[in-house]
Amino acid sequence: MIKKLARLLLIFLLSLLTLYLVFVSVISVSIGFANAERPGFWMPILWGVLIFCLGIFIIRLIVHVFRQMKAKEKYPYY
């Protein structure tokens, strides 16, 4: 019971982290495109894309943890 609650809490916290990272990456990319006339405009775009990729990997981790929870419910001695 406690492991299930801990996994649900982990999924919830990872989801919040992912939402924050996607939000920051979208803002970073939009700032980069808004300042396209400046010499270093590509740096916020690059970091926004990299942070978005990190968010995608965290989403994959969330899906993996969720599938493990479902497998443990289906086969409790697995």
PDB file of N, CA and C in Angstrom:
ATOM      1  N   MET A   1       0.823  -1.189   0.000  1.00  0.00           N
ATOM      2  CA  MET A   1       0.000   0.000   0.000  1.00  0.00           C
ATOM      3  C   MET A   1       0.876   1.264   0.000  1.00  0.00           C
ATOM      4  N   ILE A   2       1.920   1.254   0.821  1.00  0.00           N
ATOM      5  CA  ILE A   2       2.792   2.429   0.893  1.00  0.00           C
ATOM      6  C   ILE A   2       3.595   2.566  -0.392  1.00  0.00           C
ATOM      7  N   LYS A   3       4.003   1.442  -0.983  1.00  0.00           N
ATOM      8  CA  LYS A   3       4.747   1.522  -2.244  1.00  0.00           C
ATOM      9  C   LYS A   3       3.878   2.115  -3.343  1.00  0.00           C
ATOM     10  N   LYS A   4       2.602   1.743  -3.347  1.00  0.00           N
ATOM     11  CA  LYS A   4       1.695   2.277  -4.364  1.00  0.00           C
ATOM     12  C   LYS A   4       1.525   3.789  -4.184  1.00  0.00           C
ATOM     13  N   LEU A   5       1.368   4.227  -2.948  1.00  0.00           N
ATOM     14  CA  LEU A   5       1.242   5.666  -2.696  1.00  0.00           C
ATOM     15  C   LEU A   5       2.527   6.406  -3.052  1.00  0.00           C
ATOM     16  N   ALA A   6       3.667   5.787  -2.765  1.00  0.00           N
ATOM     17  CA  ALA A   6       4.943   6.418  -3.114  1.00  0.00           C
ATOM     18  C   ALA A   6       5.091   6.531  -4.626  1.00  0.00           C
ATOM     19  N   ARG A   7       4.677   5.509  -5.344  1.00  0.00           N
ATOM     20  CA  ARG A   7       4.754   5.582  -6.809  1.00  0.00           C
ATOM     21  C   ARG A   7       3.802   6.630  -7.365  1.00  0.00           C
ATOM     22  N   LEU A   8       2.605   6.706  -6.797  1.00  0.00           N
ATOM     23  CA  LEU A   8       1.667   7.736  -7.247  1.00  0.00           C
ATOM     24  C   LEU A   8       2.211   9.137  -6.961  1.00  0.00           C
ATOM     25  N   LEU A   9       2.840   9.309  -5.807  1.00  0.00           N
ATOM     26  CA  LEU A   9       3.450  10.596  -5.486  1.00  0.00           C
ATOM     27  C   LEU A   9       4.599  10.901  -6.441  1.00  0.00           C
ATOM     28  N   LEU A  10       5.394   9.885  -6.768  1.00  0.00           N
ATOM     29  CA  LEU A  10       6.484  10.067  -7.726  1.00  0.00           C
ATOM     30  C   LEU A  10       5.941  10.477  -9.095  1.00  0.00           C
ATOM     31  N   ILE A  11       4.888   9.819  -9.540  1.00  0.00           N
ATOM     32  CA  ILE A  11       4.285  10.174 -10.827  1.00  0.00           C
ATOM     33  C   ILE A  11       3.758  11.604 -10.793  1.00  0.00           C
ATOM     34  N   PHE A  12       3.122  11.985  -9.704  1.00  0.00           N
ATOM     35  CA  PHE A  12       2.582  13.336  -9.583  1.00  0.00           C
ATOM     36  C   PHE A  12       3.699  14.381  -9.618  1.00  0.00           C
ATOM     37  N   LEU A  13       4.764  14.149  -8.856  1.00  0.00           N
ATOM     38  CA  LEU A  13       5.866  15.113  -8.822  1.00  0.00           C
ATOM     39  C   LEU A  13       6.602  15.186 -10.157  1.00  0.00           C
ATOM     40  N   LEU A  14       6.795  14.041 -10.803  1.00  0.00           N
ATOM     41  CA  LEU A  14       7.430  14.057 -12.121  1.00  0.00           C
ATOM     42  C   LEU A  14       6.548  14.766 -13.149  1.00  0.00           C
ATOM     43  N   SER A  15       5.243  14.623 -13.010  1.00  0.00           N
ATOM     44  CA  SER A  15       4.330  15.321 -13.925  1.00  0.00           C
ATOM     45  C   SER A  15       4.424  16.833 -13.738  1.00  0.00           C
ATOM     46  N   LEU A  16       4.471  17.275 -12.489  1.00  0.00           N
ATOM     47  CA  LEU A  16       4.620  18.711 -12.242  1.00  0.00           C
ATOM     48  C   LEU A  16       5.953  19.234 -12.774  1.00  0.00           C
ATOM     49  N   LEU A  17       7.016  18.469 -12.568  1.00  0.00           N
ATOM     50  CA  LEU A  17       8.326  18.864 -13.089  1.00  0.00           C
ATOM     51  C   LEU A  17       8.305  18.946 -14.610  1.00  0.00           C
ATOM     52  N   THR A  18       7.658  17.987 -15.245  1.00  0.00           N
ATOM     53  CA  THR A  18       7.579  17.985 -16.705  1.00  0.00           C
ATOM     54  C   THR A  18       6.784  19.182 -17.219  1.00  0.00           C
ATOM     55  N   LEU A  19       5.667  19.483 -16.575  1.00  0.00           N
ATOM     56  CA  LEU A  19       4.889  20.652 -16.985  1.00  0.00           C
ATOM     57  C   LEU A  19       5.714  21.933 -16.850  1.00  0.00           C
ATOM     58  N   TYR A  20       6.464  22.052 -15.769  1.00  0.00           N
ATOM     59  CA  TYR A  20       7.310  23.227 -15.571  1.00  0.00           C
ATOM     60  C   TYR A  20       8.387  23.311 -16.651  1.00  0.00           C
ATOM     61  N   LEU A  21       9.031  22.185 -16.949  1.00  0.00           N
ATOM     62  CA  LEU A  21      10.091  22.191 -17.959  1.00  0.00           C
ATOM     63  C   LEU A  21       9.552  22.543 -19.342  1.00  0.00           C
ATOM     64  N   VAL A  22       8.397  22.016 -19.690  1.00  0.00           N
ATOM     65  CA  VAL A  22       7.807  22.339 -20.993  1.00  0.00           C
ATOM     66  C   VAL A  22       7.431  23.820 -21.041  1.00  0.00           C
ATOM     67  N   PHE A  23       6.891  24.340 -19.949  1.00  0.00           N
ATOM     68  CA  PHE A  23       6.544  25.759 -19.885  1.00  0.00           C
ATOM     69  C   PHE A  23       7.784  26.635 -20.071  1.00  0.00           C
ATOM     70  N   VAL A  24       8.859  26.306 -19.370  1.00  0.00           N
ATOM     71  CA  VAL A  24      10.101  27.079 -19.483  1.00  0.00           C
ATOM     72  C   VAL A  24      10.679  26.972 -20.889  1.00  0.00           C
ATOM     73  N   SER A  25      10.611  25.785 -21.488  1.00  0.00           N
ATOM     74  CA  SER A  25      11.172  25.629 -22.833  1.00  0.00           C
ATOM     75  C   SER A  25      10.376  26.418 -23.868  1.00  0.00           C
ATOM     76  N   VAL A  26       9.066  26.450 -23.741  1.00  0.00           N
ATOM     77  CA  VAL A  26       8.253  27.224 -24.685  1.00  0.00           C
ATOM     78  C   VAL A  26       8.548  28.716 -24.536  1.00  0.00           C
ATOM     79  N   ILE A  27       8.669  29.184 -23.306  1.00  0.00           N
ATOM     80  CA  ILE A  27       8.999  30.596 -23.088  1.00  0.00           C
ATOM     81  C   ILE A  27      10.390  30.919 -23.637  1.00  0.00           C
ATOM     82  N   SER A  28      11.337  30.018 -23.428  1.00  0.00           N
ATOM     83  CA  SER A  28      12.696  30.249 -23.909  1.00  0.00           C
ATOM     84  C   SER A  28      12.743  30.329 -25.431  1.00  0.00           C
ATOM     85  N   VAL A  29      12.053  29.425 -26.095  1.00  0.00           N
ATOM     86  CA  VAL A  29      12.037  29.445 -27.562  1.00  0.00           C
ATOM     87  C   VAL A  29      11.342  30.703 -28.069  1.00  0.00           C
ATOM     88  N   SER A  30      10.251  31.096 -27.427  1.00  0.00           N
ATOM     89  CA  SER A  30       9.550  32.302 -27.884  1.00  0.00           C
ATOM     90  C   SER A  30      10.397  33.555 -27.667  1.00  0.00           C
ATOM     91  N   ILE A  31      11.145  33.607 -26.584  1.00  0.00           N
ATOM     92  CA  ILE A  31      12.048  34.746 -26.360  1.00  0.00           C
ATOM     93  C   ILE A  31      13.148  34.764 -27.418  1.00  0.00           C
ATOM     94  N   GLY A  32      13.657  33.587 -27.759  1.00  0.00           N
ATOM     95  CA  GLY A  32      14.685  33.519 -28.797  1.00  0.00           C
ATOM     96  C   GLY A  32      14.187  34.015 -30.139  1.00  0.00           C
ATOM     97  N   PHE A  33      12.974  33.608 -30.516  1.00  0.00           N
ATOM     98  CA  PHE A  33      12.436  34.061 -31.800  1.00  0.00           C
ATOM     99  C   PHE A  33      12.034  35.534 -31.764  1.00  0.00           C
ATOM    100  N   ALA A  34      11.633  36.031 -30.595  1.00  0.00           N
ATOM    101  CA  ALA A  34      11.260  37.446 -30.493  1.00  0.00           C
ATOM    102  C   ALA A  34      12.481  38.350 -30.622  1.00  0.00           C
ATOM    103  N   ASN A  35      13.646  37.834 -30.251  1.00  0.00           N
ATOM    104  CA  ASN A  35      14.874  38.630 -30.330  1.00  0.00           C
ATOM    105  C   ASN A  35      15.774  38.139 -31.457  1.00  0.00           C
ATOM    106  N   ALA A  36      15.196  37.833 -32.590  1.00  0.00           N
ATOM    107  CA  ALA A  36      15.957  37.272 -33.712  1.00  0.00           C
ATOM    108  C   ALA A  36      16.947  38.267 -34.308  1.00  0.00           C
ATOM    109  N   GLU A  37      16.773  39.549 -34.039  1.00  0.00           N
ATOM    110  CA  GLU A  37      17.694  40.536 -34.609  1.00  0.00           C
ATOM    111  C   GLU A  37      18.970  40.680 -33.783  1.00  0.00           C
ATOM    112  N   ARG A  38      19.007  40.101 -32.600  1.00  0.00           N
ATOM    113  CA  ARG A  38      20.203  40.191 -31.743  1.00  0.00           C
ATOM    114  C   ARG A  38      21.197  39.093 -32.099  1.00  0.00           C
ATOM    115  N   PRO A  39      22.481  39.298 -31.776  1.00  0.00           N
ATOM    116  CA  PRO A  39      23.495  38.329 -32.199  1.00  0.00           C
ATOM    117  C   PRO A  39      23.377  36.954 -31.544  1.00  0.00           C
ATOM    118  N   GLY A  40      22.954  36.853 -30.299  1.00  0.00           N
ATOM    119  CA  GLY A  40      22.913  35.548 -29.632  1.00  0.00           C
ATOM    120  C   GLY A  40      21.518  34.984 -29.509  1.00  0.00           C
ATOM    121  N   PHE A  41      20.675  35.238 -30.509  1.00  0.00           N
ATOM    122  CA  PHE A  41      19.273  34.825 -30.402  1.00  0.00           C
ATOM    123  C   PHE A  41      19.111  33.314 -30.397  1.00  0.00           C
ATOM    124  N   TRP A  42      20.087  32.586 -30.932  1.00  0.00           N
ATOM    125  CA  TRP A  42      19.958  31.137 -31.062  1.00  0.00           C
ATOM    126  C   TRP A  42      20.145  30.414 -29.730  1.00  0.00           C
ATOM    127  N   MET A  43      20.761  31.070 -28.749  1.00  0.00           N
ATOM    128  CA  MET A  43      21.035  30.401 -27.478  1.00  0.00           C
ATOM    129  C   MET A  43      19.764  30.060 -26.696  1.00  0.00           C
ATOM    130  N   PRO A  44      18.793  30.968 -26.525  1.00  0.00           N
ATOM    131  CA  PRO A  44      17.565  30.554 -25.837  1.00  0.00           C
ATOM    132  C   PRO A  44      16.778  29.508 -26.623  1.00  0.00           C
ATOM    133  N   ILE A  45      16.857  29.566 -27.952  1.00  0.00           N
ATOM    134  CA  ILE A  45      16.168  28.555 -28.764  1.00  0.00           C
ATOM    135  C   ILE A  45      16.803  27.190 -28.535  1.00  0.00           C
ATOM    136  N   LEU A  46      18.124  27.143 -28.528  1.00  0.00           N
ATOM    137  CA  LEU A  46      18.830  25.882 -28.298  1.00  0.00           C
ATOM    138  C   LEU A  46      18.502  25.308 -26.925  1.00  0.00           C
ATOM    139  N   TRP A  47      18.562  26.144 -25.893  1.00  0.00           N
ATOM    140  CA  TRP A  47      18.267  25.654 -24.550  1.00  0.00           C
ATOM    141  C   TRP A  47      16.803  25.263 -24.406  1.00  0.00           C
ATOM    142  N   GLY A  48      15.914  25.975 -25.074  1.00  0.00           N
ATOM    143  CA  GLY A  48      14.504  25.593 -25.031  1.00  0.00           C
ATOM    144  C   GLY A  48      14.268  24.225 -25.639  1.00  0.00           C
ATOM    145  N   VAL A  49      14.931  23.956 -26.752  1.00  0.00           N
ATOM    146  CA  VAL A  49      14.788  22.643 -27.394  1.00  0.00           C
ATOM    147  C   VAL A  49      15.398  21.547 -26.518  1.00  0.00           C
ATOM    148  N   LEU A  50      16.544  21.816 -25.914  1.00  0.00           N
ATOM    149  CA  LEU A  50      17.172  20.821 -25.041  1.00  0.00           C
ATOM    150  C   LEU A  50      16.327  20.540 -23.798  1.00  0.00           C
ATOM    151  N   ILE A  51      15.757  21.568 -23.212  1.00  0.00           N
ATOM    152  CA  ILE A  51      14.891  21.373 -22.049  1.00  0.00           C
ATOM    153  C   ILE A  51      13.633  20.616 -22.448  1.00  0.00           C
ATOM    154  N   PHE A  52      13.113  20.877 -23.643  1.00  0.00           N
ATOM    155  CA  PHE A  52      11.944  20.139 -24.119  1.00  0.00           C
ATOM    156  C   PHE A  52      12.278  18.659 -24.301  1.00  0.00           C
ATOM    157  N   CYS A  53      13.466  18.365 -24.803  1.00  0.00           N
ATOM    158  CA  CYS A  53      13.894  16.960 -24.935  1.00  0.00           C
ATOM    159  C   CYS A  53      14.006  16.297 -23.571  1.00  0.00           C
ATOM    160  N   LEU A  54      14.500  17.028 -22.579  1.00  0.00           N
ATOM    161  CA  LEU A  54      14.547  16.494 -21.221  1.00  0.00           C
ATOM    162  C   LEU A  54      13.141  16.196 -20.712  1.00  0.00           C
ATOM    163  N   GLY A  55      12.204  17.063 -21.016  1.00  0.00           N
ATOM    164  CA  GLY A  55      10.812  16.826 -20.633  1.00  0.00           C
ATOM    165  C   GLY A  55      10.244  15.576 -21.280  1.00  0.00           C
ATOM    166  N   ILE A  56      10.616  15.318 -22.531  1.00  0.00           N
ATOM    167  CA  ILE A  56      10.147  14.108 -23.211  1.00  0.00           C
ATOM    168  C   ILE A  56      10.705  12.863 -22.534  1.00  0.00           C
ATOM    169  N   PHE A  57      11.966  12.902 -22.128  1.00  0.00           N
ATOM    170  CA  PHE A  57      12.532  11.750 -21.424  1.00  0.00           C
ATOM    171  C   PHE A  57      11.866  11.539 -20.066  1.00  0.00           C
ATOM    172  N   ILE A  58      11.493  12.609 -19.390  1.00  0.00           N
ATOM    173  CA  ILE A  58      10.790  12.465 -18.117  1.00  0.00           C
ATOM    174  C   ILE A  58       9.401  11.888 -18.349  1.00  0.00           C
ATOM    175  N   ILE A  59       8.749  12.261 -19.445  1.00  0.00           N
ATOM    176  CA  ILE A  59       7.452  11.667 -19.781  1.00  0.00           C
ATOM    177  C   ILE A  59       7.608  10.175 -20.012  1.00  0.00           C
ATOM    178  N   ARG A  60       8.684   9.774 -20.680  1.00  0.00           N
ATOM    179  CA  ARG A  60       8.931   8.341 -20.877  1.00  0.00           C
ATOM    180  C   ARG A  60       9.152   7.631 -19.547  1.00  0.00           C
ATOM    181  N   LEU A  61       9.818   8.294 -18.602  1.00  0.00           N
ATOM    182  CA  LEU A  61      10.013   7.721 -17.272  1.00  0.00           C
ATOM    183  C   LEU A  61       8.681   7.566 -16.549  1.00  0.00           C
ATOM    184  N   ILE A  62       7.807   8.552 -16.668  1.00  0.00           N
ATOM    185  CA  ILE A  62       6.487   8.471 -16.047  1.00  0.00           C
ATOM    186  C   ILE A  62       5.704   7.295 -16.618  1.00  0.00           C
ATOM    187  N   VAL A  63       5.742   7.123 -17.927  1.00  0.00           N
ATOM    188  CA  VAL A  63       5.034   6.006 -18.560  1.00  0.00           C
ATOM    189  C   VAL A  63       5.611   4.679 -18.085  1.00  0.00           C
ATOM    190  N   HIS A  64       6.926   4.594 -17.945  1.00  0.00           N
ATOM    191  CA  HIS A  64       7.565   3.362 -17.471  1.00  0.00           C
ATOM    192  C   HIS A  64       7.127   3.030 -16.041  1.00  0.00           C
ATOM    193  N   VAL A  65       7.120   4.027 -15.162  1.00  0.00           N
ATOM    194  CA  VAL A  65       6.699   3.796 -13.776  1.00  0.00           C
ATOM    195  C   VAL A  65       5.234   3.396 -13.730  1.00  0.00           C
ATOM    196  N   PHE A  66       4.412   4.035 -14.536  1.00  0.00           N
ATOM    197  CA  PHE A  66       2.986   3.711 -14.564  1.00  0.00           C
ATOM    198  C   PHE A  66       2.761   2.285 -15.056  1.00  0.00           C
ATOM    199  N   ARG A  67       3.503   1.864 -16.076  1.00  0.00           N
ATOM    200  CA  ARG A  67       3.373   0.487 -16.566  1.00  0.00           C
ATOM    201  C   ARG A  67       3.853  -0.517 -15.528  1.00  0.00           C
ATOM    202  N   GLN A  68       4.890  -0.175 -14.787  1.00  0.00           N
ATOM    203  CA  GLN A  68       5.355  -1.066 -13.725  1.00  0.00           C
ATOM    204  C   GLN A  68       4.300  -1.204 -12.635  1.00  0.00           C
ATOM    205  N   MET A  69       3.602  -0.122 -12.342  1.00  0.00           N
ATOM    206  CA  MET A  69       2.523  -0.202 -11.354  1.00  0.00           C
ATOM    207  C   MET A  69       1.427  -1.129 -11.834  1.00  0.00           C
ATOM    208  N   LYS A  70       1.063  -1.015 -13.103  1.00  0.00           N
ATOM    209  CA  LYS A  70       0.011  -1.873 -13.650  1.00  0.00           C
ATOM    210  C   LYS A  70       0.449  -3.333 -13.670  1.00  0.00           C
ATOM    211  N   ALA A  71       1.727  -3.590 -13.969  1.00  0.00           N
ATOM    212  CA  ALA A  71       2.224  -4.963 -13.993  1.00  0.00           C
ATOM    213  C   ALA A  71       2.228  -5.551 -12.588  1.00  0.00           C
ATOM    214  N   LYS A  72       2.559  -4.763 -11.580  1.00  0.00           N
ATOM    215  CA  LYS A  72       2.559  -5.252 -10.200  1.00  0.00           C
ATOM    216  C   LYS A  72       1.140  -5.550  -9.729  1.00  0.00           C
ATOM    217  N   GLU A  73       0.157  -4.778 -10.202  1.00  0.00           N
ATOM    218  CA  GLU A  73      -1.227  -5.051  -9.827  1.00  0.00           C
ATOM    219  C   GLU A  73      -1.729  -6.316 -10.503  1.00  0.00           C
ATOM    220  N   LYS A  74      -1.295  -6.538 -11.739  1.00  0.00           N
ATOM    221  CA  LYS A  74      -1.762  -7.704 -12.481  1.00  0.00           C
ATOM    222  C   LYS A  74      -1.100  -8.979 -11.972  1.00  0.00           C
ATOM    223  N   TYR A  75       0.206  -8.917 -11.743  1.00  0.00           N
ATOM    224  CA  TYR A  75       0.972 -10.069 -11.259  1.00  0.00           C
ATOM    225  C   TYR A  75       1.651  -9.671  -9.951  1.00  0.00           C
ATOM    226  N   PRO A  76       1.008  -9.867  -8.810  1.00  0.00           N
ATOM    227  CA  PRO A  76       1.569  -9.348  -7.552  1.00  0.00           C
ATOM    228  C   PRO A  76       2.881 -10.002  -7.132  1.00  0.00           C
ATOM    229  N   TYR A  77       3.193 -11.211  -7.612  1.00  0.00           N
ATOM    230  CA  TYR A  77       4.425 -11.892  -7.209  1.00  0.00           C
ATOM    231  C   TYR A  77       5.486 -11.818  -8.284  1.00  0.00           C
ATOM    232  N   TYR A  78       5.347 -10.908  -9.197  1.00  0.00           N
ATOM    233  CA  TYR A  78       6.293 -10.762 -10.302  1.00  0.00           C
ATOM    234  C   TYR A  78       7.456  -9.932  -9.901  1.00  0.00           C
TER     235      TYR A  78
END
